[in-house]
Amino acid sequence: APLDLDASDAENARHLAATRRGVPTGAIRKVKII
């Protein structure tokens, strides 16, 4: 499922999401500001 989170920038959001979902950053398709 998509994950909503708060971060300082897109790169930080990518790393946080990968850590929280337990996947590599390459498994992320899209990072968007809401």
Full PDB file with SEQRES, HELIX, SHEET, SSBOND, CRYST1, ORIGX, SCALE, CONECT and MASTER records, all heavy atoms in Angstrom:
SEQRES   1 A   34  ALA PRO LEU ASP LEU ASP ALA SER ASP ALA GLU ASN ALA          
SEQRES   2 A   34  ARG HIS LEU ALA ALA THR ARG ARG GLY VAL PRO THR GLY          
SEQRES   3 A   34  ALA ILE ARG LYS VAL LYS ILE ILE                              
HELIX    1 AA1 ALA A   10  ARG A   21  1                                  12    
HELIX    2 AA2 THR A   25  ALA A   27  5                                   3    
CRYST1    1.000    1.000    1.000  90.00  90.00  90.00 P 1           1          
ORIGX1      1.000000  0.000000  0.000000        0.00000                         
ORIGX2      0.000000  1.000000  0.000000        0.00000                         
ORIGX3      0.000000  0.000000  1.000000        0.00000                         
SCALE1      1.000000  0.000000  0.000000        0.00000                         
SCALE2      0.000000  1.000000  0.000000        0.00000                         
SCALE3      0.000000  0.000000  1.000000        0.00000                         
ATOM      1  N   ALA A   1       0.833  -1.209   0.000  1.00  0.00           N  
ATOM      2  CA  ALA A   1       0.000   0.000   0.000  1.00  0.00           C  
ATOM      3  C   ALA A   1       0.866   1.257   0.000  1.00  0.00           C  
ATOM      4  O   ALA A   1       1.954   1.261   0.582  1.00  0.00           O  
ATOM      5  CB  ALA A   1      -0.899  -0.001   1.223  1.00  0.00           C  
ATOM      6  N   PRO A   2       0.398   2.319  -0.656  1.00  0.00           N  
ATOM      7  CA  PRO A   2       1.122   3.593  -0.586  1.00  0.00           C  
ATOM      8  C   PRO A   2       1.271   4.037   0.867  1.00  0.00           C  
ATOM      9  O   PRO A   2       0.443   3.713   1.718  1.00  0.00           O  
ATOM     10  CB  PRO A   2       0.242   4.568  -1.368  1.00  0.00           C  
ATOM     11  CG  PRO A   2      -0.559   3.698  -2.268  1.00  0.00           C  
ATOM     12  CD  PRO A   2      -0.784   2.425  -1.502  1.00  0.00           C  
ATOM     13  N   LEU A   3       2.321   4.782   1.128  1.00  0.00           N  
ATOM     14  CA  LEU A   3       2.634   5.226   2.483  1.00  0.00           C  
ATOM     15  C   LEU A   3       2.689   6.747   2.515  1.00  0.00           C  
ATOM     16  O   LEU A   3       3.349   7.359   1.671  1.00  0.00           O  
ATOM     17  CB  LEU A   3       3.989   4.638   2.906  1.00  0.00           C  
ATOM     18  CG  LEU A   3       4.550   5.055   4.256  1.00  0.00           C  
ATOM     19  CD1 LEU A   3       3.657   4.549   5.386  1.00  0.00           C  
ATOM     20  CD2 LEU A   3       5.956   4.508   4.423  1.00  0.00           C  
ATOM     21  N   ASP A   4       1.987   7.350   3.453  1.00  0.00           N  
ATOM     22  CA  ASP A   4       2.056   8.799   3.662  1.00  0.00           C  
ATOM     23  C   ASP A   4       2.965   9.055   4.848  1.00  0.00           C  
ATOM     24  O   ASP A   4       2.840   8.401   5.891  1.00  0.00           O  
ATOM     25  CB  ASP A   4       0.670   9.376   3.959  1.00  0.00           C  
ATOM     26  CG  ASP A   4      -0.263   9.312   2.766  1.00  0.00           C  
ATOM     27  OD1 ASP A   4       0.216   9.038   1.649  1.00  0.00           O  
ATOM     28  OD2 ASP A   4      -1.465   9.548   2.955  1.00  0.00           O  
ATOM     29  N   LEU A   5       3.889  10.007   4.676  1.00  0.00           N  
ATOM     30  CA  LEU A   5       4.790  10.364   5.767  1.00  0.00           C  
ATOM     31  C   LEU A   5       5.272  11.791   5.593  1.00  0.00           C  
ATOM     32  O   LEU A   5       5.118  12.388   4.531  1.00  0.00           O  
ATOM     33  CB  LEU A   5       5.966   9.388   5.858  1.00  0.00           C  
ATOM     34  CG  LEU A   5       6.804   9.107   4.608  1.00  0.00           C  
ATOM     35  CD1 LEU A   5       7.814  10.197   4.357  1.00  0.00           C  
ATOM     36  CD2 LEU A   5       7.520   7.796   4.785  1.00  0.00           C  
ATOM     37  N   ASP A   6       5.845  12.345   6.641  1.00  0.00           N  
ATOM     38  CA  ASP A   6       6.409  13.692   6.615  1.00  0.00           C  
ATOM     39  C   ASP A   6       7.926  13.582   6.594  1.00  0.00           C  
ATOM     40  O   ASP A   6       8.503  12.812   7.362  1.00  0.00           O  
ATOM     41  CB  ASP A   6       5.977  14.495   7.844  1.00  0.00           C  
ATOM     42  CG  ASP A   6       4.491  14.778   7.867  1.00  0.00           C  
ATOM     43  OD1 ASP A   6       3.913  14.919   6.771  1.00  0.00           O  
ATOM     44  OD2 ASP A   6       3.919  14.859   8.959  1.00  0.00           O  
ATOM     45  N   ALA A   7       8.555  14.347   5.707  1.00  0.00           N  
ATOM     46  CA  ALA A   7      10.014  14.338   5.583  1.00  0.00           C  
ATOM     47  C   ALA A   7      10.484  15.701   5.104  1.00  0.00           C  
ATOM     48  O   ALA A   7       9.706  16.513   4.608  1.00  0.00           O  
ATOM     49  CB  ALA A   7      10.452  13.250   4.606  1.00  0.00           C  
ATOM     50  N   SER A   8      11.790  15.941   5.235  1.00  0.00           N  
ATOM     51  CA  SER A   8      12.354  17.235   4.850  1.00  0.00           C  
ATOM     52  C   SER A   8      12.499  17.383   3.340  1.00  0.00           C  
ATOM     53  O   SER A   8      12.455  18.486   2.815  1.00  0.00           O  
ATOM     54  CB  SER A   8      13.701  17.444   5.530  1.00  0.00           C  
ATOM     55  OG  SER A   8      14.574  16.383   5.211  1.00  0.00           O  
ATOM     56  N   ASP A   9      12.686  16.252   2.619  1.00  0.00           N  
ATOM     57  CA  ASP A   9      12.798  16.294   1.158  1.00  0.00           C  
ATOM     58  C   ASP A   9      12.466  14.921   0.585  1.00  0.00           C  
ATOM     59  O   ASP A   9      12.261  13.960   1.329  1.00  0.00           O  
ATOM     60  CB  ASP A   9      14.188  16.768   0.719  1.00  0.00           C  
ATOM     61  CG  ASP A   9      15.319  15.891   1.234  1.00  0.00           C  
ATOM     62  OD1 ASP A   9      15.152  14.657   1.318  1.00  0.00           O  
ATOM     63  OD2 ASP A   9      16.389  16.438   1.552  1.00  0.00           O  
ATOM     64  N   ALA A  10      12.414  14.835  -0.746  1.00  0.00           N  
ATOM     65  CA  ALA A  10      12.006  13.597  -1.413  1.00  0.00           C  
ATOM     66  C   ALA A  10      12.987  12.452  -1.150  1.00  0.00           C  
ATOM     67  O   ALA A  10      12.574  11.306  -0.968  1.00  0.00           O  
ATOM     68  CB  ALA A  10      11.860  13.829  -2.911  1.00  0.00           C  
ATOM     69  N   GLU A  11      14.270  12.745  -1.116  1.00  0.00           N  
ATOM     70  CA  GLU A  11      15.264  11.689  -0.880  1.00  0.00           C  
ATOM     71  C   GLU A  11      15.114  11.113   0.528  1.00  0.00           C  
ATOM     72  O   GLU A  11      15.167   9.901   0.722  1.00  0.00           O  
ATOM     73  CB  GLU A  11      16.676  12.247  -1.084  1.00  0.00           C  
ATOM     74  CG  GLU A  11      17.745  11.189  -1.113  1.00  0.00           C  
ATOM     75  CD  GLU A  11      17.586  10.185  -2.247  1.00  0.00           C  
ATOM     76  OE1 GLU A  11      17.051  10.550  -3.311  1.00  0.00           O  
ATOM     77  OE2 GLU A  11      17.992   9.011  -2.071  1.00  0.00           O  
ATOM     78  N   ASN A  12      14.899  11.982   1.494  1.00  0.00           N  
ATOM     79  CA  ASN A  12      14.690  11.531   2.863  1.00  0.00           C  
ATOM     80  C   ASN A  12      13.405  10.712   2.955  1.00  0.00           C  
ATOM     81  O   ASN A  12      13.360   9.678   3.635  1.00  0.00           O  
ATOM     82  CB  ASN A  12      14.639  12.748   3.796  1.00  0.00           C  
ATOM     83  CG  ASN A  12      14.572  12.368   5.239  1.00  0.00           C  
ATOM     84  OD1 ASN A  12      13.477  12.157   5.757  1.00  0.00           O  
ATOM     85  ND2 ASN A  12      15.719  12.305   5.892  1.00  0.00           N  
ATOM     86  N   ALA A  13      12.355  11.144   2.267  1.00  0.00           N  
ATOM     87  CA  ALA A  13      11.088  10.417   2.257  1.00  0.00           C  
ATOM     88  C   ALA A  13      11.272   9.025   1.657  1.00  0.00           C  
ATOM     89  O   ALA A  13      10.723   8.043   2.163  1.00  0.00           O  
ATOM     90  CB  ALA A  13      10.037  11.195   1.462  1.00  0.00           C  
ATOM     91  N   ARG A  14      12.053   8.932   0.590  1.00  0.00           N  
ATOM     92  CA  ARG A  14      12.329   7.646  -0.062  1.00  0.00           C  
ATOM     93  C   ARG A  14      13.004   6.677   0.914  1.00  0.00           C  
ATOM     94  O   ARG A  14      12.612   5.511   1.033  1.00  0.00           O  
ATOM     95  CB  ARG A  14      13.198   7.885  -1.289  1.00  0.00           C  
ATOM     96  CG  ARG A  14      13.562   6.653  -2.062  1.00  0.00           C  
ATOM     97  CD  ARG A  14      14.419   7.007  -3.265  1.00  0.00           C  
ATOM     98  NE  ARG A  14      13.696   7.817  -4.228  1.00  0.00           N  
ATOM     99  CZ  ARG A  14      12.898   7.331  -5.177  1.00  0.00           C  
ATOM    100  NH1 ARG A  14      12.741   6.039  -5.297  1.00  0.00           N  
ATOM    101  NH2 ARG A  14      12.270   8.142  -6.002  1.00  0.00           N  
ATOM    102  N   HIS A  15      14.015   7.162   1.634  1.00  0.00           N  
ATOM    103  CA  HIS A  15      14.740   6.295   2.574  1.00  0.00           C  
ATOM    104  C   HIS A  15      13.866   5.892   3.764  1.00  0.00           C  
ATOM    105  O   HIS A  15      13.900   4.730   4.187  1.00  0.00           O  
ATOM    106  CB  HIS A  15      16.020   6.985   3.053  1.00  0.00           C  
ATOM    107  CG  HIS A  15      17.069   7.047   2.005  1.00  0.00           C  
ATOM    108  ND1 HIS A  15      17.731   5.936   1.531  1.00  0.00           N  
ATOM    109  CD2 HIS A  15      17.562   8.090   1.304  1.00  0.00           C  
ATOM    110  CE1 HIS A  15      18.582   6.291   0.604  1.00  0.00           C  
ATOM    111  NE2 HIS A  15      18.497   7.599   0.423  1.00  0.00           N  
ATOM    112  N   LEU A  16      13.073   6.833   4.279  1.00  0.00           N  
ATOM    113  CA  LEU A  16      12.171   6.505   5.384  1.00  0.00           C  
ATOM    114  C   LEU A  16      11.148   5.443   4.972  1.00  0.00           C  
ATOM    115  O   LEU A  16      10.888   4.498   5.708  1.00  0.00           O  
ATOM    116  CB  LEU A  16      11.437   7.755   5.856  1.00  0.00           C  
ATOM    117  CG  LEU A  16      12.232   8.739   6.698  1.00  0.00           C  
ATOM    118  CD1 LEU A  16      11.428  10.021   6.898  1.00  0.00           C  
ATOM    119  CD2 LEU A  16      12.589   8.135   8.036  1.00  0.00           C  
ATOM    120  N   ALA A  17      10.574   5.607   3.787  1.00  0.00           N  
ATOM    121  CA  ALA A  17       9.558   4.664   3.312  1.00  0.00           C  
ATOM    122  C   ALA A  17      10.152   3.276   3.104  1.00  0.00           C  
ATOM    123  O   ALA A  17       9.542   2.269   3.481  1.00  0.00           O  
ATOM    124  CB  ALA A  17       8.943   5.163   2.012  1.00  0.00           C  
ATOM    125  N   ALA A  18      11.341   3.206   2.524  1.00  0.00           N  
ATOM    126  CA  ALA A  18      11.994   1.913   2.309  1.00  0.00           C  
ATOM    127  C   ALA A  18      12.259   1.221   3.637  1.00  0.00           C  
ATOM    128  O   ALA A  18      12.026   0.013   3.781  1.00  0.00           O  
ATOM    129  CB  ALA A  18      13.286   2.106   1.533  1.00  0.00           C  
ATOM    130  N   THR A  19      12.703   1.978   4.621  1.00  0.00           N  
ATOM    131  CA  THR A  19      12.978   1.414   5.944  1.00  0.00           C  
ATOM    132  C   THR A  19      11.693   0.928   6.601  1.00  0.00           C  
ATOM    133  O   THR A  19      11.642  -0.182   7.141  1.00  0.00           O  
ATOM    134  CB  THR A  19      13.654   2.466   6.846  1.00  0.00           C  
ATOM    135  OG1 THR A  19      14.873   2.865   6.228  1.00  0.00           O  
ATOM    136  CG2 THR A  19      13.938   1.922   8.220  1.00  0.00           C  
ATOM    137  N   ARG A  20      10.639   1.730   6.537  1.00  0.00           N  
ATOM    138  CA  ARG A  20       9.372   1.363   7.193  1.00  0.00           C  
ATOM    139  C   ARG A  20       8.705   0.160   6.549  1.00  0.00           C  
ATOM    140  O   ARG A  20       8.056  -0.631   7.226  1.00  0.00           O  
ATOM    141  CB  ARG A  20       8.414   2.551   7.203  1.00  0.00           C  
ATOM    142  CG  ARG A  20       8.880   3.635   8.144  1.00  0.00           C  
ATOM    143  CD  ARG A  20       7.877   4.740   8.255  1.00  0.00           C  
ATOM    144  NE  ARG A  20       8.420   5.819   9.070  1.00  0.00           N  
ATOM    145  CZ  ARG A  20       7.797   6.954   9.282  1.00  0.00           C  
ATOM    146  NH1 ARG A  20       6.621   7.184   8.734  1.00  0.00           N  
ATOM    147  NH2 ARG A  20       8.364   7.881  10.032  1.00  0.00           N  
ATOM    148  N   ARG A  21       8.815   0.035   5.242  1.00  0.00           N  
ATOM    149  CA  ARG A  21       8.192  -1.098   4.543  1.00  0.00           C  
ATOM    150  C   ARG A  21       9.145  -2.292   4.402  1.00  0.00           C  
ATOM    151  O   ARG A  21       8.743  -3.351   3.951  1.00  0.00           O  
ATOM    152  CB  ARG A  21       7.709  -0.686   3.151  1.00  0.00           C  
ATOM    153  CG  ARG A  21       6.527   0.261   3.176  1.00  0.00           C  
ATOM    154  CD  ARG A  21       5.266  -0.447   3.655  1.00  0.00           C  
ATOM    155  NE  ARG A  21       4.093   0.326   3.333  1.00  0.00           N  
ATOM    156  CZ  ARG A  21       3.258   0.812   4.229  1.00  0.00           C  
ATOM    157  NH1 ARG A  21       3.481   0.622   5.499  1.00  0.00           N  
ATOM    158  NH2 ARG A  21       2.197   1.499   3.853  1.00  0.00           N  
ATOM    159  N   GLY A  22      10.413  -2.106   4.755  1.00  0.00           N  
ATOM    160  CA  GLY A  22      11.375  -3.207   4.692  1.00  0.00           C  
ATOM    161  C   GLY A  22      11.722  -3.613   3.267  1.00  0.00           C  
ATOM    162  O   GLY A  22      11.901  -4.791   2.989  1.00  0.00           O  
ATOM    163  N   VAL A  23      11.804  -2.642   2.368  1.00  0.00           N  
ATOM    164  CA  VAL A  23      12.133  -2.907   0.965  1.00  0.00           C  
ATOM    165  C   VAL A  23      13.325  -2.040   0.562  1.00  0.00           C  
ATOM    166  O   VAL A  23      13.615  -1.039   1.205  1.00  0.00           O  
ATOM    167  CB  VAL A  23      10.934  -2.609   0.035  1.00  0.00           C  
ATOM    168  CG1 VAL A  23       9.748  -3.495   0.377  1.00  0.00           C  
ATOM    169  CG2 VAL A  23      10.529  -1.152   0.093  1.00  0.00           C  
ATOM    170  N   PRO A  24      14.026  -2.397  -0.522  1.00  0.00           N  
ATOM    171  CA  PRO A  24      15.102  -1.523  -1.007  1.00  0.00           C  
ATOM    172  C   PRO A  24      14.508  -0.259  -1.643  1.00  0.00           C  
ATOM    173  O   PRO A  24      13.352  -0.257  -2.079  1.00  0.00           O  
ATOM    174  CB  PRO A  24      15.825  -2.377  -2.046  1.00  0.00           C  
ATOM    175  CG  PRO A  24      14.834  -3.403  -2.467  1.00  0.00           C  
ATOM    176  CD  PRO A  24      13.928  -3.630  -1.284  1.00  0.00           C  
ATOM    177  N   THR A  25      15.292   0.801  -1.711  1.00  0.00           N  
ATOM    178  CA  THR A  25      14.791   2.047  -2.297  1.00  0.00           C  
ATOM    179  C   THR A  25      14.403   1.865  -3.756  1.00  0.00           C  
ATOM    180  O   THR A  25      13.568   2.600  -4.267  1.00  0.00           O  
ATOM    181  CB  THR A  25      15.816   3.186  -2.164  1.00  0.00           C  
ATOM    182  OG1 THR A  25      17.043   2.775  -2.734  1.00  0.00           O  
ATOM    183  CG2 THR A  25      16.016   3.580  -0.712  1.00  0.00           C  
ATOM    184  N   GLY A  26      14.988   0.880  -4.443  1.00  0.00           N  
ATOM    185  CA  GLY A  26      14.635   0.600  -5.831  1.00  0.00           C  
ATOM    186  C   GLY A  26      13.221   0.082  -5.999  1.00  0.00           C  
ATOM    187  O   GLY A  26      12.683   0.064  -7.104  1.00  0.00           O  
ATOM    188  N   ALA A  27      12.587  -0.346  -4.906  1.00  0.00           N  
ATOM    189  CA  ALA A  27      11.212  -0.855  -4.959  1.00  0.00           C  
ATOM    190  C   ALA A  27      10.186   0.269  -4.937  1.00  0.00           C  
ATOM    191  O   ALA A  27       8.988   0.033  -5.033  1.00  0.00           O  
ATOM    192  CB  ALA A  27      10.961  -1.806  -3.791  1.00  0.00           C  
ATOM    193  N   ILE A  28      10.662   1.515  -4.825  1.00  0.00           N  
ATOM    194  CA  ILE A  28       9.765   2.663  -4.792  1.00  0.00           C  
ATOM    195  C   ILE A  28       9.571   3.189  -6.211  1.00  0.00           C  
ATOM    196  O   ILE A  28      10.532   3.432  -6.931  1.00  0.00           O  
ATOM    197  CB  ILE A  28      10.328   3.763  -3.859  1.00  0.00           C  
ATOM    198  CG1 ILE A  28      10.341   3.219  -2.434  1.00  0.00           C  
ATOM    199  CG2 ILE A  28       9.512   5.036  -3.982  1.00  0.00           C  
ATOM    200  CD1 ILE A  28      11.022   4.107  -1.444  1.00  0.00           C  
ATOM    201  N   ARG A  29       8.317   3.310  -6.607  1.00  0.00           N  
ATOM    202  CA  ARG A  29       7.991   3.751  -7.965  1.00  0.00           C  
ATOM    203  C   ARG A  29       7.866   5.264  -8.059  1.00  0.00           C  
ATOM    204  O   ARG A  29       8.280   5.878  -9.036  1.00  0.00           O  
ATOM    205  CB  ARG A  29       6.673   3.098  -8.402  1.00  0.00           C  
ATOM    206  CG  ARG A  29       6.202   3.488  -9.784  1.00  0.00           C  
ATOM    207  CD  ARG A  29       5.037   2.640 -10.238  1.00  0.00           C  
ATOM    208  NE  ARG A  29       3.916   2.625  -9.329  1.00  0.00           N  
ATOM    209  CZ  ARG A  29       2.879   3.448  -9.380  1.00  0.00           C  
ATOM    210  NH1 ARG A  29       2.820   4.369 -10.306  1.00  0.00           N  
ATOM    211  NH2 ARG A  29       1.902   3.346  -8.514  1.00  0.00           N  
ATOM    212  N   LYS A  30       7.266   5.890  -7.017  1.00  0.00           N  
ATOM    213  CA  LYS A  30       6.953   7.312  -7.124  1.00  0.00           C  
ATOM    214  C   LYS A  30       6.956   7.949  -5.738  1.00  0.00           C  
ATOM    215  O   LYS A  30       6.448   7.375  -4.783  1.00  0.00           O  
ATOM    216  CB  LYS A  30       5.576   7.441  -7.766  1.00  0.00           C  
ATOM    217  CG  LYS A  30       5.125   8.798  -8.066  1.00  0.00           C  
ATOM    218  CD  LYS A  30       3.817   8.881  -8.860  1.00  0.00           C  
ATOM    219  CE  LYS A  30       2.920   7.693  -8.895  1.00  0.00           C  
ATOM    220  NZ  LYS A  30       1.665   7.930  -9.598  1.00  0.00           N  
ATOM    221  N   VAL A  31       7.518   9.160  -5.645  1.00  0.00           N  
ATOM    222  CA  VAL A  31       7.497   9.967  -4.417  1.00  0.00           C  
ATOM    223  C   VAL A  31       6.854  11.295  -4.785  1.00  0.00           C  
ATOM    224  O   VAL A  31       7.357  12.010  -5.646  1.00  0.00           O  
ATOM    225  CB  VAL A  31       8.922  10.209  -3.864  1.00  0.00           C  
ATOM    226  CG1 VAL A  31       8.876  11.101  -2.643  1.00  0.00           C  
ATOM    227  CG2 VAL A  31       9.618   8.889  -3.558  1.00  0.00           C  
ATOM    228  N   LYS A  32       5.733  11.604  -4.140  1.00  0.00           N  
ATOM    229  CA  LYS A  32       5.012  12.831  -4.484  1.00  0.00           C  
ATOM    230  C   LYS A  32       4.726  13.646  -3.235  1.00  0.00           C  
ATOM    231  O   LYS A  32       4.422  13.099  -2.188  1.00  0.00           O  
ATOM    232  CB  LYS A  32       3.677  12.486  -5.146  1.00  0.00           C  
ATOM    233  CG  LYS A  32       3.816  11.752  -6.466  1.00  0.00           C  
ATOM    234  CD  LYS A  32       2.484  11.360  -7.016  1.00  0.00           C  
ATOM    235  CE  LYS A  32       1.757  12.591  -7.522  1.00  0.00           C  
ATOM    236  NZ  LYS A  32       0.509  12.258  -8.208  1.00  0.00           N  
ATOM    237  N   ILE A  33       4.799  14.965  -3.375  1.00  0.00           N  
ATOM    238  CA  ILE A  33       4.352  15.852  -2.299  1.00  0.00           C  
ATOM    239  C   ILE A  33       2.824  15.893  -2.364  1.00  0.00           C  
ATOM    240  O   ILE A  33       2.244  16.046  -3.438  1.00  0.00           O  
ATOM    241  CB  ILE A  33       4.935  17.260  -2.454  1.00  0.00           C  
ATOM    242  CG1 ILE A  33       6.451  17.233  -2.257  1.00  0.00           C  
ATOM    243  CG2 ILE A  33       4.279  18.221  -1.465  1.00  0.00           C  
ATOM    244  CD1 ILE A  33       7.113  18.577  -2.445  1.00  0.00           C  
ATOM    245  N   ILE A  34       2.196  15.742  -1.217  1.00  0.00           N  
ATOM    246  CA  ILE A  34       0.735  15.784  -1.154  1.00  0.00           C  
ATOM    247  C   ILE A  34       0.305  17.242  -1.121  1.00  0.00           C  
ATOM    248  O   ILE A  34       0.674  17.992  -0.233  1.00  0.00           O  
ATOM    249  CB  ILE A  34       0.209  15.055   0.099  1.00  0.00           C  
ATOM    250  CG1 ILE A  34       0.653  13.593   0.078  1.00  0.00           C  
ATOM    251  CG2 ILE A  34      -1.303  15.176   0.190  1.00  0.00           C  
ATOM    252  CD1 ILE A  34       0.358  12.858   1.359  1.00  0.00           C  
TER     253      ILE A  34                                                      
MASTER        0    0    0    2    0    0    0    6  252    1    0    3          
END                                                                             
